[in-house]
Amino acid sequence: MTAKTIADIYKSRWQIELFFKCIKQNLKIKSFVGTSKNAVMTQIGVAICMYLMIAYLKFCGQLDLSIQPIIRLFSTHLFERRDLWGLLKKDPPDPIETQVQIQFTFS
């Protein structure tokens, strides 16, 4: 093979290494739920979608935060009913009205 061909192959391989480094650093996949190819690809796909949605929120809201603090903020308030824009803009939380549940008494 020529030196140019070998250099092109190495350059392509380096792009793959950078892609996996980006996945490891940004997607925060600690372990895979399944071991099949489909399970791994699904988990990576979901993580990429989540990352892109947060990047889009950052872009639309013109936020000064980087993506990692936004992810931490969302994971901390995951099960709370809060206004996302208020949470991201650090406004005081507005109480979200919850529906009153009707309770029946049996006699």
PDB file of N, CA and C in Angstrom:
ATOM      1  N   MET A   1       0.847  -1.188   0.000  1.00  0.00           N
ATOM      2  CA  MET A   1       0.000   0.000   0.000  1.00  0.00           C
ATOM      3  C   MET A   1       0.887   1.244   0.000  1.00  0.00           C
ATOM      4  N   THR A   2       0.335   2.278  -0.556  1.00  0.00           N
ATOM      5  CA  THR A   2       1.089   3.528  -0.574  1.00  0.00           C
ATOM      6  C   THR A   2       0.970   4.234   0.777  1.00  0.00           C
ATOM      7  N   ALA A   3       1.859   5.172   0.984  1.00  0.00           N
ATOM      8  CA  ALA A   3       1.851   5.916   2.243  1.00  0.00           C
ATOM      9  C   ALA A   3       0.567   6.736   2.379  1.00  0.00           C
ATOM     10  N   LYS A   4       0.072   7.243   1.261  1.00  0.00           N
ATOM     11  CA  LYS A   4      -1.175   8.032   1.278  1.00  0.00           C
ATOM     12  C   LYS A   4      -2.350   7.174   1.709  1.00  0.00           C
ATOM     13  N   THR A   5      -2.442   5.947   1.218  1.00  0.00           N
ATOM     14  CA  THR A   5      -3.531   5.037   1.578  1.00  0.00           C
ATOM     15  C   THR A   5      -3.485   4.713   3.065  1.00  0.00           C
ATOM     16  N   ILE A   6      -2.299   4.423   3.575  1.00  0.00           N
ATOM     17  CA  ILE A   6      -2.147   4.110   4.996  1.00  0.00           C
ATOM     18  C   ILE A   6      -2.523   5.323   5.857  1.00  0.00           C
ATOM     19  N   ALA A   7      -2.118   6.508   5.423  1.00  0.00           N
ATOM     20  CA  ALA A   7      -2.460   7.725   6.158  1.00  0.00           C
ATOM     21  C   ALA A   7      -3.972   7.956   6.156  1.00  0.00           C
ATOM     22  N   ASP A   8      -4.627   7.678   5.027  1.00  0.00           N
ATOM     23  CA  ASP A   8      -6.091   7.837   4.953  1.00  0.00           C
ATOM     24  C   ASP A   8      -6.811   6.840   5.861  1.00  0.00           C
ATOM     25  N   ILE A   9      -6.320   5.610   5.910  1.00  0.00           N
ATOM     26  CA  ILE A   9      -6.918   4.592   6.786  1.00  0.00           C
ATOM     27  C   ILE A   9      -6.755   5.017   8.245  1.00  0.00           C
ATOM     28  N   TYR A  10      -5.578   5.474   8.610  1.00  0.00           N
ATOM     29  CA  TYR A  10      -5.334   5.911   9.986  1.00  0.00           C
ATOM     30  C   TYR A  10      -6.210   7.102  10.334  1.00  0.00           C
ATOM     31  N   LYS A  11      -6.382   8.022   9.385  1.00  0.00           N
ATOM     32  CA  LYS A  11      -7.217   9.196   9.618  1.00  0.00           C
ATOM     33  C   LYS A  11      -8.672   8.779   9.853  1.00  0.00           C
ATOM     34  N   SER A  12      -9.159   7.827   9.068  1.00  0.00           N
ATOM     35  CA  SER A  12     -10.522   7.322   9.256  1.00  0.00           C
ATOM     36  C   SER A  12     -10.659   6.639  10.610  1.00  0.00           C
ATOM     37  N   ARG A  13      -9.657   5.845  10.981  1.00  0.00           N
ATOM     38  CA  ARG A  13      -9.679   5.160  12.272  1.00  0.00           C
ATOM     39  C   ARG A  13      -9.665   6.170  13.407  1.00  0.00           C
ATOM     40  N   TRP A  14      -8.934   7.248  13.263  1.00  0.00           N
ATOM     41  CA  TRP A  14      -8.862   8.268  14.295  1.00  0.00           C
ATOM     42  C   TRP A  14     -10.216   8.953  14.474  1.00  0.00           C
ATOM     43  N   GLN A  15     -10.955   9.165  13.396  1.00  0.00           N
ATOM     44  CA  GLN A  15     -12.287   9.753  13.495  1.00  0.00           C
ATOM     45  C   GLN A  15     -13.221   8.837  14.289  1.00  0.00           C
ATOM     46  N   ILE A  16     -13.089   7.524  14.099  1.00  0.00           N
ATOM     47  CA  ILE A  16     -13.893   6.570  14.862  1.00  0.00           C
ATOM     48  C   ILE A  16     -13.515   6.635  16.337  1.00  0.00           C
ATOM     49  N   GLU A  17     -12.226   6.726  16.640  1.00  0.00           N
ATOM     50  CA  GLU A  17     -11.772   6.836  18.032  1.00  0.00           C
ATOM     51  C   GLU A  17     -12.313   8.110  18.682  1.00  0.00           C
ATOM     52  N   LEU A  18     -12.317   9.209  17.951  1.00  0.00           N
ATOM     53  CA  LEU A  18     -12.851  10.461  18.493  1.00  0.00           C
ATOM     54  C   LEU A  18     -14.355  10.363  18.740  1.00  0.00           C
ATOM     55  N   PHE A  19     -15.064   9.646  17.849  1.00  0.00           N
ATOM     56  CA  PHE A  19     -16.497   9.460  18.034  1.00  0.00           C
ATOM     57  C   PHE A  19     -16.776   8.686  19.319  1.00  0.00           C
ATOM     58  N   PHE A  20     -16.043   7.601  19.565  1.00  0.00           N
ATOM     59  CA  PHE A  20     -16.265   6.812  20.772  1.00  0.00           C
ATOM     60  C   PHE A  20     -15.838   7.583  22.024  1.00  0.00           C
ATOM     61  N   LYS A  21     -14.816   8.403  21.912  1.00  0.00           N
ATOM     62  CA  LYS A  21     -14.417   9.239  23.047  1.00  0.00           C
ATOM     63  C   LYS A  21     -15.534  10.221  23.385  1.00  0.00           C
ATOM     64  N   CYS A  22     -16.132  10.800  22.368  1.00  0.00           N
ATOM     65  CA  CYS A  22     -17.248  11.727  22.565  1.00  0.00           C
ATOM     66  C   CYS A  22     -18.427  11.009  23.215  1.00  0.00           C
ATOM     67  N   ILE A  23     -18.727   9.803  22.771  1.00  0.00           N
ATOM     68  CA  ILE A  23     -19.818   9.032  23.365  1.00  0.00           C
ATOM     69  C   ILE A  23     -19.535   8.753  24.830  1.00  0.00           C
ATOM     70  N   LYS A  24     -18.331   8.339  25.146  1.00  0.00           N
ATOM     71  CA  LYS A  24     -17.990   8.007  26.530  1.00  0.00           C
ATOM     72  C   LYS A  24     -18.053   9.237  27.432  1.00  0.00           C
ATOM     73  N   GLN A  25     -17.628  10.382  26.934  1.00  0.00           N
ATOM     74  CA  GLN A  25     -17.591  11.583  27.760  1.00  0.00           C
ATOM     75  C   GLN A  25     -18.954  12.245  27.899  1.00  0.00           C
ATOM     76  N   ASN A  26     -19.721  12.299  26.832  1.00  0.00           N
ATOM     77  CA  ASN A  26     -20.941  13.096  26.840  1.00  0.00           C
ATOM     78  C   ASN A  26     -22.213  12.319  27.111  1.00  0.00           C
ATOM     79  N   LEU A  27     -22.285  11.085  26.677  1.00  0.00           N
ATOM     80  CA  LEU A  27     -23.532  10.345  26.836  1.00  0.00           C
ATOM     81  C   LEU A  27     -23.647   9.687  28.196  1.00  0.00           C
ATOM     82  N   LYS A  28     -22.552   9.541  28.904  1.00  0.00           N
ATOM     83  CA  LYS A  28     -22.553   9.001  30.265  1.00  0.00           C
ATOM     84  C   LYS A  28     -23.244   7.638  30.349  1.00  0.00           C
ATOM     85  N   ILE A  29     -22.927   6.755  29.422  1.00  0.00           N
ATOM     86  CA  ILE A  29     -23.433   5.388  29.487  1.00  0.00           C
ATOM     87  C   ILE A  29     -22.458   4.609  30.360  1.00  0.00           C
ATOM     88  N   LYS A  30     -22.894   4.282  31.566  1.00  0.00           N
ATOM     89  CA  LYS A  30     -22.007   3.593  32.501  1.00  0.00           C
ATOM     90  C   LYS A  30     -21.946   2.100  32.211  1.00  0.00           C
ATOM     91  N   SER A  31     -23.074   1.506  31.908  1.00  0.00           N
ATOM     92  CA  SER A  31     -23.101   0.087  31.549  1.00  0.00           C
ATOM     93  C   SER A  31     -24.284  -0.124  30.625  1.00  0.00           C
ATOM     94  N   PHE A  32     -24.218  -1.182  29.861  1.00  0.00           N
ATOM     95  CA  PHE A  32     -25.296  -1.481  28.928  1.00  0.00           C
ATOM     96  C   PHE A  32     -26.301  -2.412  29.583  1.00  0.00           C
ATOM     97  N   VAL A  33     -27.568  -2.156  29.311  1.00  0.00           N
ATOM     98  CA  VAL A  33     -28.637  -2.949  29.910  1.00  0.00           C
ATOM     99  C   VAL A  33     -28.635  -4.359  29.346  1.00  0.00           C
ATOM    100  N   GLY A  34     -28.465  -4.469  28.042  1.00  0.00           N
ATOM    101  CA  GLY A  34     -28.438  -5.779  27.392  1.00  0.00           C
ATOM    102  C   GLY A  34     -27.101  -6.010  26.728  1.00  0.00           C
ATOM    103  N   THR A  35     -26.912  -7.231  26.253  1.00  0.00           N
ATOM    104  CA  THR A  35     -25.643  -7.556  25.614  1.00  0.00           C
ATOM    105  C   THR A  35     -25.780  -7.789  24.116  1.00  0.00           C
ATOM    106  N   SER A  36     -27.002  -7.859  23.627  1.00  0.00           N
ATOM    107  CA  SER A  36     -27.178  -8.080  22.195  1.00  0.00           C
ATOM    108  C   SER A  36     -26.874  -6.793  21.426  1.00  0.00           C
ATOM    109  N   LYS A  37     -26.640  -6.956  20.154  1.00  0.00           N
ATOM    110  CA  LYS A  37     -26.348  -5.787  19.312  1.00  0.00           C
ATOM    111  C   LYS A  37     -27.518  -4.813  19.317  1.00  0.00           C
ATOM    112  N   ASN A  38     -28.743  -5.337  19.261  1.00  0.00           N
ATOM    113  CA  ASN A  38     -29.933  -4.495  19.247  1.00  0.00           C
ATOM    114  C   ASN A  38     -30.052  -3.704  20.547  1.00  0.00           C
ATOM    115  N   ALA A  39     -29.787  -4.337  21.688  1.00  0.00           N
ATOM    116  CA  ALA A  39     -29.894  -3.651  22.981  1.00  0.00           C
ATOM    117  C   ALA A  39     -28.864  -2.527  23.090  1.00  0.00           C
ATOM    118  N   VAL A  40     -27.644  -2.799  22.667  1.00  0.00           N
ATOM    119  CA  VAL A  40     -26.580  -1.789  22.740  1.00  0.00           C
ATOM    120  C   VAL A  40     -26.895  -0.621  21.801  1.00  0.00           C
ATOM    121  N   MET A  41     -27.320  -0.942  20.579  1.00  0.00           N
ATOM    122  CA  MET A  41     -27.624   0.114  19.609  1.00  0.00           C
ATOM    123  C   MET A  41     -28.825   0.952  20.066  1.00  0.00           C
ATOM    124  N   THR A  42     -29.817   0.310  20.677  1.00  0.00           N
ATOM    125  CA  THR A  42     -30.980   1.044  21.179  1.00  0.00           C
ATOM    126  C   THR A  42     -30.578   1.984  22.305  1.00  0.00           C
ATOM    127  N   GLN A  43     -29.762   1.507  23.221  1.00  0.00           N
ATOM    128  CA  GLN A  43     -29.347   2.351  24.345  1.00  0.00           C
ATOM    129  C   GLN A  43     -28.503   3.524  23.866  1.00  0.00           C
ATOM    130  N   ILE A  44     -27.623   3.295  22.922  1.00  0.00           N
ATOM    131  CA  ILE A  44     -26.821   4.392  22.371  1.00  0.00           C
ATOM    132  C   ILE A  44     -27.718   5.382  21.631  1.00  0.00           C
ATOM    133  N   GLY A  45     -28.695   4.869  20.876  1.00  0.00           N
ATOM    134  CA  GLY A  45     -29.620   5.738  20.153  1.00  0.00           C
ATOM    135  C   GLY A  45     -30.439   6.616  21.072  1.00  0.00           C
ATOM    136  N   VAL A  46     -30.935   6.044  22.165  1.00  0.00           N
ATOM    137  CA  VAL A  46     -31.715   6.820  23.134  1.00  0.00           C
ATOM    138  C   VAL A  46     -30.842   7.880  23.786  1.00  0.00           C
ATOM    139  N   ALA A  47     -29.600   7.521  24.118  1.00  0.00           N
ATOM    140  CA  ALA A  47     -28.690   8.487  24.742  1.00  0.00           C
ATOM    141  C   ALA A  47     -28.354   9.629  23.777  1.00  0.00           C
ATOM    142  N   ILE A  48     -28.175   9.316  22.507  1.00  0.00           N
ATOM    143  CA  ILE A  48     -27.894  10.358  21.507  1.00  0.00           C
ATOM    144  C   ILE A  48     -29.107  11.277  21.350  1.00  0.00           C
ATOM    145  N   CYS A  49     -30.317  10.690  21.310  1.00  0.00           N
ATOM    146  CA  CYS A  49     -31.537  11.513  21.206  1.00  0.00           C
ATOM    147  C   CYS A  49     -31.667  12.447  22.398  1.00  0.00           C
ATOM    148  N   MET A  50     -31.401  11.929  23.595  1.00  0.00           N
ATOM    149  CA  MET A  50     -31.484  12.747  24.797  1.00  0.00           C
ATOM    150  C   MET A  50     -30.461  13.889  24.733  1.00  0.00           C
ATOM    151  N   TYR A  51     -29.257  13.578  24.311  1.00  0.00           N
ATOM    152  CA  TYR A  51     -28.209  14.596  24.219  1.00  0.00           C
ATOM    153  C   TYR A  51     -28.595  15.680  23.202  1.00  0.00           C
ATOM    154  N   LEU A  52     -29.137  15.260  22.058  1.00  0.00           N
ATOM    155  CA  LEU A  52     -29.534  16.225  21.031  1.00  0.00           C
ATOM    156  C   LEU A  52     -30.708  17.090  21.485  1.00  0.00           C
ATOM    157  N   MET A  53     -31.659  16.508  22.234  1.00  0.00           N
ATOM    158  CA  MET A  53     -32.783  17.301  22.740  1.00  0.00           C
ATOM    159  C   MET A  53     -32.311  18.349  23.731  1.00  0.00           C
ATOM    160  N   ILE A  54     -31.372  17.988  24.583  1.00  0.00           N
ATOM    161  CA  ILE A  54     -30.854  18.955  25.548  1.00  0.00           C
ATOM    162  C   ILE A  54     -30.032  20.027  24.839  1.00  0.00           C
ATOM    163  N   ALA A  55     -29.271  19.637  23.811  1.00  0.00           N
ATOM    164  CA  ALA A  55     -28.519  20.628  23.034  1.00  0.00           C
ATOM    165  C   ALA A  55     -29.470  21.596  22.327  1.00  0.00           C
ATOM    166  N   TYR A  56     -30.610  21.076  21.862  1.00  0.00           N
ATOM    167  CA  TYR A  56     -31.602  21.928  21.212  1.00  0.00           C
ATOM    168  C   TYR A  56     -32.241  22.886  22.223  1.00  0.00           C
ATOM    169  N   LEU A  57     -32.553  22.396  23.428  1.00  0.00           N
ATOM    170  CA  LEU A  57     -33.076  23.270  24.482  1.00  0.00           C
ATOM    171  C   LEU A  57     -32.080  24.375  24.816  1.00  0.00           C
ATOM    172  N   LYS A  58     -30.811  24.012  24.891  1.00  0.00           N
ATOM    173  CA  LYS A  58     -29.756  24.989  25.179  1.00  0.00           C
ATOM    174  C   LYS A  58     -29.705  26.048  24.080  1.00  0.00           C
ATOM    175  N   PHE A  59     -29.824  25.598  22.838  1.00  0.00           N
ATOM    176  CA  PHE A  59     -29.787  26.515  21.695  1.00  0.00           C
ATOM    177  C   PHE A  59     -31.011  27.428  21.681  1.00  0.00           C
ATOM    178  N   CYS A  60     -32.209  26.854  21.871  1.00  0.00           N
ATOM    179  CA  CYS A  60     -33.437  27.656  21.823  1.00  0.00           C
ATOM    180  C   CYS A  60     -33.520  28.636  22.984  1.00  0.00           C
ATOM    181  N   GLY A  61     -33.085  28.210  24.135  1.00  0.00           N
ATOM    182  CA  GLY A  61     -33.171  29.072  25.306  1.00  0.00           C
ATOM    183  C   GLY A  61     -32.003  30.013  25.451  1.00  0.00           C
ATOM    184  N   GLN A  62     -31.013  29.899  24.556  1.00  0.00           N
ATOM    185  CA  GLN A  62     -29.803  30.722  24.602  1.00  0.00           C
ATOM    186  C   GLN A  62     -29.224  30.720  26.006  1.00  0.00           C
ATOM    187  N   LEU A  63     -29.024  29.515  26.540  1.00  0.00           N
ATOM    188  CA  LEU A  63     -28.539  29.348  27.904  1.00  0.00           C
ATOM    189  C   LEU A  63     -27.025  29.454  27.961  1.00  0.00           C
ATOM    190  N   ASP A  64     -26.538  29.977  29.072  1.00  0.00           N
ATOM    191  CA  ASP A  64     -25.099  30.092  29.277  1.00  0.00           C
ATOM    192  C   ASP A  64     -24.506  28.809  29.847  1.00  0.00           C
ATOM    193  N   LEU A  65     -25.349  27.917  30.338  1.00  0.00           N
ATOM    194  CA  LEU A  65     -24.873  26.654  30.901  1.00  0.00           C
ATOM    195  C   LEU A  65     -24.363  25.732  29.810  1.00  0.00           C
ATOM    196  N   SER A  66     -23.398  24.886  30.170  1.00  0.00           N
ATOM    197  CA  SER A  66     -23.005  23.850  29.229  1.00  0.00           C
ATOM    198  C   SER A  66     -23.985  22.686  29.371  1.00  0.00           C
ATOM    199  N   ILE A  67     -23.844  21.689  28.529  1.00  0.00           N
ATOM    200  CA  ILE A  67     -24.813  20.595  28.500  1.00  0.00           C
ATOM    201  C   ILE A  67     -24.720  19.724  29.751  1.00  0.00           C
ATOM    202  N   GLN A  68     -23.531  19.508  30.278  1.00  0.00           N
ATOM    203  CA  GLN A  68     -23.388  18.648  31.454  1.00  0.00           C
ATOM    204  C   GLN A  68     -24.138  19.179  32.681  1.00  0.00           C
ATOM    205  N   PRO A  69     -24.048  20.479  33.028  1.00  0.00           N
ATOM    206  CA  PRO A  69     -24.862  20.967  34.156  1.00  0.00           C
ATOM    207  C   PRO A  69     -26.367  20.862  33.911  1.00  0.00           C
ATOM    208  N   ILE A  70     -26.782  21.004  32.658  1.00  0.00           N
ATOM    209  CA  ILE A  70     -28.206  20.860  32.343  1.00  0.00           C
ATOM    210  C   ILE A  70     -28.648  19.421  32.604  1.00  0.00           C
ATOM    211  N   ILE A  71     -27.831  18.463  32.194  1.00  0.00           N
ATOM    212  CA  ILE A  71     -28.151  17.050  32.437  1.00  0.00           C
ATOM    213  C   ILE A  71     -28.214  16.780  33.934  1.00  0.00           C
ATOM    214  N   ARG A  72     -27.259  17.321  34.688  1.00  0.00           N
ATOM    215  CA  ARG A  72     -27.271  17.141  36.145  1.00  0.00           C
ATOM    216  C   ARG A  72     -28.516  17.765  36.771  1.00  0.00           C
ATOM    217  N   LEU A  73     -28.890  18.943  36.286  1.00  0.00           N
ATOM    218  CA  LEU A  73     -30.065  19.635  36.792  1.00  0.00           C
ATOM    219  C   LEU A  73     -31.333  18.823  36.532  1.00  0.00           C
ATOM    220  N   PHE A  74     -31.442  18.271  35.328  1.00  0.00           N
ATOM    221  CA  PHE A  74     -32.612  17.451  34.997  1.00  0.00           C
ATOM    222  C   PHE A  74     -32.645  16.171  35.822  1.00  0.00           C
ATOM    223  N   SER A  75     -31.498  15.550  36.014  1.00  0.00           N
ATOM    224  CA  SER A  75     -31.500  14.294  36.771  1.00  0.00           C
ATOM    225  C   SER A  75     -31.812  14.545  38.244  1.00  0.00           C
ATOM    226  N   THR A  76     -31.462  15.728  38.764  1.00  0.00           N
ATOM    227  CA  THR A  76     -31.768  16.045  40.153  1.00  0.00           C
ATOM    228  C   THR A  76     -33.258  16.280  40.349  1.00  0.00           C
ATOM    229  N   HIS A  77     -33.909  16.899  39.383  1.00  0.00           N
ATOM    230  CA  HIS A  77     -35.325  17.253  39.488  1.00  0.00           C
ATOM    231  C   HIS A  77     -36.188  16.350  38.609  1.00  0.00           C
ATOM    232  N   LEU A  78     -35.767  15.115  38.420  1.00  0.00           N
ATOM    233  CA  LEU A  78     -36.426  14.218  37.474  1.00  0.00           C
ATOM    234  C   LEU A  78     -37.877  13.947  37.832  1.00  0.00           C
ATOM    235  N   PHE A  79     -38.172  13.732  39.094  1.00  0.00           N
ATOM    236  CA  PHE A  79     -39.528  13.339  39.481  1.00  0.00           C
ATOM    237  C   PHE A  79     -40.332  14.479  40.094  1.00  0.00           C
ATOM    238  N   GLU A  80     -39.914  15.702  39.869  1.00  0.00           N
ATOM    239  CA  GLU A  80     -40.658  16.856  40.349  1.00  0.00           C
ATOM    240  C   GLU A  80     -41.417  17.481  39.186  1.00  0.00           C
ATOM    241  N   ARG A  81     -42.577  17.990  39.495  1.00  0.00           N
ATOM    242  CA  ARG A  81     -43.343  18.700  38.469  1.00  0.00           C
ATOM    243  C   ARG A  81     -42.925  20.156  38.498  1.00  0.00           C
ATOM    244  N   ARG A  82     -42.055  20.542  37.600  1.00  0.00           N
ATOM    245  CA  ARG A  82     -41.522  21.908  37.543  1.00  0.00           C
ATOM    246  C   ARG A  82     -41.572  22.404  36.111  1.00  0.00           C
ATOM    247  N   ASP A  83     -41.595  23.694  35.967  1.00  0.00           N
ATOM    248  CA  ASP A  83     -41.497  24.322  34.662  1.00  0.00           C
ATOM    249  C   ASP A  83     -40.043  24.230  34.206  1.00  0.00           C
ATOM    250  N   LEU A  84     -39.803  23.609  33.052  1.00  0.00           N
ATOM    251  CA  LEU A  84     -38.424  23.407  32.597  1.00  0.00           C
ATOM    252  C   LEU A  84     -37.709  24.720  32.320  1.00  0.00           C
ATOM    253  N   TRP A  85     -38.391  25.668  31.687  1.00  0.00           N
ATOM    254  CA  TRP A  85     -37.730  26.939  31.384  1.00  0.00           C
ATOM    255  C   TRP A  85     -37.389  27.681  32.658  1.00  0.00           C
ATOM    256  N   GLY A  86     -38.283  27.617  33.632  1.00  0.00           N
ATOM    257  CA  GLY A  86     -38.002  28.261  34.911  1.00  0.00           C
ATOM    258  C   GLY A  86     -36.830  27.601  35.610  1.00  0.00           C
ATOM    259  N   LEU A  87     -36.750  26.294  35.496  1.00  0.00           N
ATOM    260  CA  LEU A  87     -35.639  25.559  36.098  1.00  0.00           C
ATOM    261  C   LEU A  87     -34.320  25.929  35.410  1.00  0.00           C
ATOM    262  N   LEU A  88     -34.358  26.038  34.091  1.00  0.00           N
ATOM    263  CA  LEU A  88     -33.137  26.355  33.346  1.00  0.00           C
ATOM    264  C   LEU A  88     -32.710  27.810  33.507  1.00  0.00           C
ATOM    265  N   LYS A  89     -33.696  28.704  33.608  1.00  0.00           N
ATOM    266  CA  LYS A  89     -33.387  30.128  33.744  1.00  0.00           C
ATOM    267  C   LYS A  89     -33.175  30.535  35.202  1.00  0.00           C
ATOM    268  N   LYS A  90     -33.296  29.557  36.122  1.00  0.00           N
ATOM    269  CA  LYS A  90     -33.093  29.770  37.557  1.00  0.00           C
ATOM    270  C   LYS A  90     -34.097  30.752  38.148  1.00  0.00           C
ATOM    271  N   ASP A  91     -35.318  30.728  37.610  1.00  0.00           N
ATOM    272  CA  ASP A  91     -36.401  31.512  38.188  1.00  0.00           C
ATOM    273  C   ASP A  91     -36.927  30.767  39.414  1.00  0.00           C
ATOM    274  N   PRO A  92     -37.564  31.470  40.342  1.00  0.00           N
ATOM    275  CA  PRO A  92     -38.161  30.742  41.459  1.00  0.00           C
ATOM    276  C   PRO A  92     -39.245  29.808  40.947  1.00  0.00           C
ATOM    277  N   PRO A  93     -39.367  28.646  41.538  1.00  0.00           N
ATOM    278  CA  PRO A  93     -40.330  27.668  41.016  1.00  0.00           C
ATOM    279  C   PRO A  93     -41.768  28.111  41.230  1.00  0.00           C
ATOM    280  N   ASP A  94     -42.546  27.986  40.182  1.00  0.00           N
ATOM    281  CA  ASP A  94     -43.974  28.249  40.285  1.00  0.00           C
ATOM    282  C   ASP A  94     -44.655  26.947  40.670  1.00  0.00           C
ATOM    283  N   PRO A  95     -45.580  27.020  41.604  1.00  0.00           N
ATOM    284  CA  PRO A  95     -46.274  25.779  41.937  1.00  0.00           C
ATOM    285  C   PRO A  95     -47.157  25.345  40.777  1.00  0.00           C
ATOM    286  N   ILE A  96     -47.064  24.104  40.421  1.00  0.00           N
ATOM    287  CA  ILE A  96     -47.887  23.567  39.345  1.00  0.00           C
ATOM    288  C   ILE A  96     -49.112  22.942  39.989  1.00  0.00           C
ATOM    289  N   GLU A  97     -50.259  23.360  39.484  1.00  0.00           N
ATOM    290  CA  GLU A  97     -51.492  22.856  40.063  1.00  0.00           C
ATOM    291  C   GLU A  97     -51.636  21.380  39.739  1.00  0.00           C
ATOM    292  N   THR A  98     -51.936  20.622  40.743  1.00  0.00           N
ATOM    293  CA  THR A  98     -52.188  19.207  40.532  1.00  0.00           C
ATOM    294  C   THR A  98     -53.680  18.968  40.624  1.00  0.00           C
ATOM    295  N   GLN A  99     -54.123  17.987  39.919  1.00  0.00           N
ATOM    296  CA  GLN A  99     -55.542  17.667  39.953  1.00  0.00           C
ATOM    297  C   GLN A  99     -55.863  17.013  41.292  1.00  0.00           C
ATOM    298  N   VAL A 100     -56.990  17.383  41.836  1.00  0.00           N
ATOM    299  CA  VAL A 100     -57.435  16.789  43.087  1.00  0.00           C
ATOM    300  C   VAL A 100     -57.993  15.412  42.781  1.00  0.00           C
ATOM    301  N   GLN A 101     -57.514  14.442  43.514  1.00  0.00           N
ATOM    302  CA  GLN A 101     -58.003  13.082  43.307  1.00  0.00           C
ATOM    303  C   GLN A 101     -59.245  12.877  44.161  1.00  0.00           C
ATOM    304  N   ILE A 102     -60.211  12.231  43.571  1.00  0.00           N
ATOM    305  CA  ILE A 102     -61.443  11.939  44.290  1.00  0.00           C
ATOM    306  C   ILE A 102     -61.244  10.627  45.050  1.00  0.00           C
ATOM    307  N   GLN A 103     -61.555  10.667  46.326  1.00  0.00           N
ATOM    308  CA  GLN A 103     -61.437   9.462  47.138  1.00  0.00           C
ATOM    309  C   GLN A 103     -62.833   8.986  47.512  1.00  0.00           C
ATOM    310  N   PHE A 104     -63.028   7.710  47.306  1.00  0.00           N
ATOM    311  CA  PHE A 104     -64.305   7.109  47.652  1.00  0.00           C
ATOM    312  C   PHE A 104     -64.180   6.442  49.021  1.00  0.00           C
ATOM    313  N   THR A 105     -65.217   6.561  49.797  1.00  0.00           N
ATOM    314  CA  THR A 105     -65.246   5.858  51.082  1.00  0.00           C
ATOM    315  C   THR A 105     -66.236   4.714  50.977  1.00  0.00           C
ATOM    316  N   PHE A 106     -65.827   3.591  51.420  1.00  0.00           N
ATOM    317  CA  PHE A 106     -66.697   2.426  51.406  1.00  0.00           C
ATOM    318  C   PHE A 106     -67.258   2.203  52.798  1.00  0.00           C
ATOM    319  N   SER A 107     -68.567   2.017  52.897  1.00  0.00           N
ATOM    320  CA  SER A 107     -69.144   1.763  54.196  1.00  0.00           C
ATOM    321  C   SER A 107     -69.797   0.413  54.265  1.00  0.00           C
TER     322      SER A 107
END
